[in-house]
Amino acid sequence: MGDVVERRARLRTARRRPGPDRVRARVRDVGEPPQRTWRPHIDWTRWGAVVGVGAGIGSLLFTAVATYYGAMVSRDQLDQSREDAELKSRDQATRVAFWSSKAPNGAAILRLMNRSPDPVTSVNLSLILMIPMPQSTAHREVNSSLWQGDMAPCSEVTFELGTLRYQETKKGEWEKPNPKISAFVMNLHFVDREGVPWRRNGVQLSRLGFDEGARLQPGVWGRDLTRSYGQARAEPVVTKAPTCGADTGG
């Protein structure tokens, strides 16, 4: 009987002991702070704010990059539009030209050509005439202005310099034609169909200001050039230009 009681006591004691696979929950004392578990606590509100700020910064960066490239494209388009407008504004002027040549008889020829389908006005040539000296191989230079006026569309104007008469000053005597005379063209001035004045020489084609263009009127031009330029006259021969409408690119 005594053995039975003792065995039951030992059995009860064994049941109260924690086994290797069983851990008894610890009872927290009153006032003891809770212990942190191994799994961290995530503050989703804070993380949501951080993600929102990051998304906002990314959106601003994207907008800035898109705006920059949009501005670059707009600038390129504006530059292209300006270039196209410039080419269009020069279209007729590039088709007006001059050059010198020789006739079959050896006479010096001065040629003007308007290869555009529209007329040009106020056509004026600033010349340096090379006048042979009597009984000498030397020559003297005379500044002169040859006023042509208007040129018809698709036309060529030819001047034979041997028939040219000139004044050394505006009020000077008109000299007789000299078959041995030659000339160098300093500038060709004209006004295009839009009323824009231009100057062409052997180097470049330039748009003039309207204050300069006003001097292309024959009376004003002659008055402005009285001190240094005389006048020249020659009978022009007008023919149809062999080509018309092709751009020279000048």
Protein backbone atom coordinates (compact mmCIF):
# COMPACT_ATOMS: atom_id res chain seq x y z
CA MET A 1 0.00 0.00 0.00
CA GLY A 2 2.78 2.38 0.90
CA ASP A 3 4.54 1.66 -2.43
CA VAL A 4 1.43 2.55 -4.41
CA VAL A 5 1.07 5.91 -2.69
CA GLU A 6 4.74 6.71 -3.28
CA ARG A 7 4.53 5.85 -6.97
CA ARG A 8 1.50 8.07 -7.41
CA ALA A 9 3.32 10.97 -5.75
CA ARG A 10 6.29 10.58 -8.05
CA LEU A 11 3.99 10.43 -11.07
CA ARG A 12 2.28 13.68 -10.10
CA THR A 13 5.63 15.36 -9.63
CA ALA A 14 6.81 14.16 -13.07
CA ARG A 15 3.68 15.53 -14.72
CA ARG A 16 4.35 18.96 -13.26
CA ARG A 17 7.91 19.08 -14.72
CA PRO A 18 8.26 20.48 -18.24
CA GLY A 19 9.33 17.94 -20.79
CA PRO A 20 11.87 18.50 -23.57
CA ASP A 21 9.08 19.12 -26.11
CA ARG A 22 6.86 21.14 -23.84
CA VAL A 23 7.64 24.64 -22.48
CA ARG A 24 5.36 26.03 -19.87
CA ALA A 25 4.22 29.59 -20.52
CA ARG A 26 5.78 32.11 -18.20
CA VAL A 27 3.36 34.17 -16.26
CA ARG A 28 4.31 37.89 -16.43
CA ASP A 29 4.39 39.70 -13.15
CA VAL A 30 2.15 42.66 -12.58
CA GLY A 31 3.85 45.91 -13.79
CA GLU A 32 6.54 44.10 -15.79
CA PRO A 33 6.91 45.61 -19.31
CA PRO A 34 6.17 43.26 -22.18
CA GLN A 35 9.17 41.62 -23.76
CA ARG A 36 9.87 42.14 -27.47
CA THR A 37 9.53 39.10 -29.63
CA TRP A 38 12.08 38.13 -32.30
CA ARG A 39 9.76 39.37 -35.07
CA PRO A 40 10.16 43.23 -35.49
CA HIS A 41 7.14 45.47 -35.53
CA ILE A 42 6.56 47.29 -38.87
CA ASP A 43 5.12 50.81 -38.84
CA TRP A 44 3.14 50.69 -42.08
CA THR A 45 2.03 54.29 -41.77
CA ARG A 46 5.64 55.51 -41.76
CA TRP A 47 6.58 53.25 -44.63
CA GLY A 48 3.58 54.49 -46.60
CA ALA A 49 4.73 58.09 -46.13
CA VAL A 50 8.28 57.21 -47.24
CA VAL A 51 6.99 55.45 -50.35
CA GLY A 52 4.74 58.42 -51.13
CA VAL A 53 7.64 60.88 -50.84
CA GLY A 54 9.81 58.68 -53.08
CA ALA A 55 7.06 58.45 -55.66
CA GLY A 56 6.66 62.22 -55.59
CA ILE A 57 10.39 62.79 -56.13
CA GLY A 58 10.40 60.30 -59.00
CA SER A 59 7.42 62.03 -60.57
CA LEU A 60 9.16 65.41 -60.33
CA LEU A 61 12.33 64.03 -61.89
CA PHE A 62 10.36 62.46 -64.72
CA THR A 63 8.48 65.71 -65.31
CA ALA A 64 11.75 67.69 -65.30
CA VAL A 65 13.38 65.35 -67.82
CA ALA A 66 10.29 65.34 -70.04
CA THR A 67 10.11 69.14 -69.89
CA TYR A 68 13.80 69.46 -70.76
CA TYR A 69 13.55 67.20 -73.79
CA GLY A 70 10.32 68.88 -74.82
CA ALA A 71 12.05 72.26 -74.70
CA MET A 72 14.97 70.90 -76.74
CA VAL A 73 12.61 69.54 -79.38
CA SER A 74 10.71 72.84 -79.48
CA ARG A 75 13.96 74.78 -79.86
CA ASP A 76 15.07 72.52 -82.71
CA GLN A 77 11.70 72.97 -84.39
CA LEU A 78 11.93 76.75 -83.96
CA ASP A 79 15.46 76.79 -85.38
CA GLN A 80 14.29 74.70 -88.33
CA SER A 81 11.33 77.03 -88.90
CA ARG A 82 13.64 80.04 -88.86
CA GLU A 83 16.02 78.35 -91.27
CA ASP A 84 13.15 77.47 -93.61
CA ALA A 85 11.83 81.04 -93.40
CA GLU A 86 15.31 82.42 -94.16
CA LEU A 87 15.71 80.12 -97.16
CA LYS A 88 12.26 81.11 -98.40
CA SER A 89 13.01 84.82 -97.98
CA ARG A 90 16.24 84.41 -100.02
CA ASP A 91 14.61 82.27 -102.69
CA GLN A 92 14.19 84.96 -105.35
CA ALA A 93 17.37 86.83 -104.47
CA THR A 94 19.49 83.72 -105.03
CA ARG A 95 18.25 83.63 -108.63
CA VAL A 96 19.50 87.11 -109.54
CA ALA A 97 23.13 87.17 -110.66
CA PHE A 98 25.72 88.92 -112.82
CA TRP A 99 28.91 87.94 -114.60
CA SER A 100 31.29 89.13 -117.31
CA SER A 101 32.13 87.45 -120.59
CA LYS A 102 33.57 88.11 -124.02
CA ALA A 103 31.71 88.52 -127.29
CA PRO A 104 32.95 86.63 -130.37
CA ASN A 105 34.61 89.85 -131.55
CA GLY A 106 36.48 90.12 -128.23
CA ALA A 107 34.35 92.91 -126.81
CA ALA A 108 33.70 92.86 -123.06
CA ILE A 109 30.15 91.83 -122.15
CA LEU A 110 28.37 92.41 -118.85
CA ARG A 111 25.40 90.12 -118.15
CA LEU A 112 22.56 90.25 -115.63
CA MET A 113 20.08 87.43 -115.16
CA ASN A 114 16.83 87.07 -113.25
CA ARG A 115 15.96 83.37 -113.19
CA SER A 116 12.93 83.81 -110.94
CA PRO A 117 9.31 83.84 -112.17
CA ASP A 118 8.83 87.31 -110.63
CA PRO A 119 10.32 90.68 -111.59
CA VAL A 120 12.98 92.52 -109.60
CA THR A 121 13.14 96.29 -109.38
CA SER A 122 15.62 99.10 -108.69
CA VAL A 123 18.42 97.15 -110.36
CA ASN A 124 21.68 99.09 -110.13
CA LEU A 125 25.30 98.14 -110.81
CA SER A 126 28.23 99.77 -109.05
CA LEU A 127 31.14 99.56 -111.47
CA ILE A 128 34.81 100.35 -111.69
CA LEU A 129 35.47 101.25 -115.30
CA MET A 130 38.98 100.61 -116.58
CA ILE A 131 39.66 103.34 -119.15
CA PRO A 132 42.72 102.81 -121.42
CA MET A 133 45.16 105.68 -121.41
CA PRO A 134 46.05 107.17 -124.82
CA GLN A 135 49.31 105.86 -126.27
CA SER A 136 49.92 103.72 -123.18
CA THR A 137 49.27 100.24 -121.84
CA ALA A 138 48.10 101.71 -118.52
CA HIS A 139 44.53 102.54 -117.66
CA ARG A 140 42.72 104.72 -115.20
CA GLU A 141 39.80 103.74 -113.00
CA VAL A 142 36.47 105.53 -112.89
CA ASN A 143 33.75 104.72 -110.37
CA SER A 144 30.40 104.59 -112.08
CA SER A 145 26.79 103.63 -111.46
CA LEU A 146 24.82 101.83 -114.18
CA TRP A 147 21.08 102.05 -113.53
CA GLN A 148 19.02 99.29 -115.14
CA GLY A 149 15.70 99.82 -113.37
CA ASP A 150 13.49 96.74 -113.62
CA MET A 151 14.15 93.22 -114.83
CA ALA A 152 11.36 91.05 -116.16
CA PRO A 153 10.80 87.49 -114.91
CA CYS A 154 13.06 84.86 -116.46
CA SER A 155 15.11 87.43 -118.37
CA GLU A 156 18.74 88.09 -119.22
CA VAL A 157 20.11 91.59 -119.84
CA THR A 158 23.36 92.05 -121.76
CA PHE A 159 25.48 95.19 -121.94
CA GLU A 160 28.33 95.51 -124.43
CA LEU A 161 30.82 97.73 -122.63
CA GLY A 162 32.23 99.05 -125.91
CA THR A 163 28.95 100.95 -126.42
CA LEU A 164 28.90 102.34 -122.87
CA ARG A 165 29.01 106.09 -122.27
CA TYR A 166 29.96 107.45 -118.87
CA GLN A 167 30.53 110.54 -116.77
CA GLU A 168 33.40 110.83 -114.36
CA THR A 169 31.19 113.03 -112.19
CA LYS A 170 27.46 113.53 -112.21
CA LYS A 171 27.75 116.92 -113.88
CA GLY A 172 30.69 115.98 -116.08
CA GLU A 173 30.76 115.55 -119.81
CA TRP A 174 29.54 112.30 -121.30
CA GLU A 175 32.50 110.45 -122.70
CA LYS A 176 32.32 108.71 -126.05
CA PRO A 177 32.16 104.92 -126.13
CA ASN A 178 35.53 103.20 -126.05
CA PRO A 179 35.71 99.70 -127.54
CA LYS A 180 38.65 98.85 -125.29
CA ILE A 181 36.93 99.73 -122.06
CA SER A 182 36.44 97.01 -119.43
CA ALA A 183 34.69 96.98 -116.08
CA PHE A 184 34.71 95.32 -112.68
CA VAL A 185 31.37 94.93 -110.89
CA MET A 186 31.67 95.86 -107.22
CA ASN A 187 28.01 95.39 -106.29
CA LEU A 188 24.65 94.55 -107.80
CA HIS A 189 21.72 96.10 -105.93
CA PHE A 190 18.08 95.19 -106.46
CA VAL A 191 14.70 94.90 -104.69
CA ASP A 192 12.83 91.59 -104.65
CA ARG A 193 9.10 90.87 -105.02
CA GLU A 194 8.58 91.42 -101.27
CA GLY A 195 10.12 94.89 -101.41
CA VAL A 196 13.30 93.75 -99.65
CA PRO A 197 16.54 95.34 -100.91
CA TRP A 198 19.56 93.12 -101.58
CA ARG A 199 23.22 93.47 -102.44
CA ARG A 200 25.20 90.85 -104.34
CA ASN A 201 28.92 90.95 -105.03
CA GLY A 202 31.50 88.38 -105.96
CA VAL A 203 31.61 87.06 -102.40
CA GLN A 204 28.15 87.09 -100.84
CA LEU A 205 24.47 87.92 -101.05
CA SER A 206 23.30 90.29 -98.31
CA ARG A 207 19.93 91.62 -97.22
CA LEU A 208 20.01 95.39 -96.78
CA GLY A 209 18.24 97.51 -94.22
CA PHE A 210 15.38 99.60 -95.55
CA ASP A 211 17.34 102.78 -94.90
CA GLU A 212 20.00 101.46 -97.28
CA GLY A 213 17.36 100.23 -99.67
CA ALA A 214 15.90 103.73 -99.94
CA ARG A 215 19.14 104.78 -101.64
CA LEU A 216 18.33 102.44 -104.53
CA GLN A 217 15.88 104.96 -105.99
CA PRO A 218 17.57 106.45 -109.05
CA GLY A 219 17.41 110.10 -108.02
CA VAL A 220 18.50 109.49 -104.46
CA TRP A 221 21.16 107.01 -105.53
CA GLY A 222 22.70 109.45 -107.96
CA ARG A 223 22.64 112.26 -105.40
CA ASP A 224 24.29 110.09 -102.72
CA LEU A 225 27.05 109.02 -105.09
CA THR A 226 27.74 112.38 -106.75
CA ARG A 227 31.05 112.89 -104.95
CA SER A 228 32.59 109.55 -105.86
CA TYR A 229 30.50 108.05 -108.65
CA GLY A 230 29.60 109.19 -112.10
CA GLN A 231 26.83 107.73 -114.24
CA ALA A 232 27.01 105.19 -117.02
CA ARG A 233 24.64 104.43 -119.85
CA ALA A 234 24.44 101.52 -122.20
CA GLU A 235 21.82 100.04 -124.48
CA PRO A 236 20.67 96.77 -122.89
CA VAL A 237 19.81 93.72 -124.95
CA VAL A 238 17.05 91.75 -123.22
CA THR A 239 16.55 88.06 -123.96
CA LYS A 240 14.82 85.14 -122.28
CA ALA A 241 16.86 83.37 -119.63
CA PRO A 242 17.90 79.86 -120.74
CA THR A 243 16.73 78.43 -117.42
CA CYS A 244 14.16 79.73 -114.96
CA GLY A 245 13.03 78.70 -111.51
CA ALA A 246 16.12 76.69 -110.52
CA ASP A 247 17.63 77.66 -107.17
CA THR A 248 21.26 78.74 -107.21
CA GLY A 249 21.67 78.24 -103.46
CA GLY A 250 23.56 81.54 -103.20
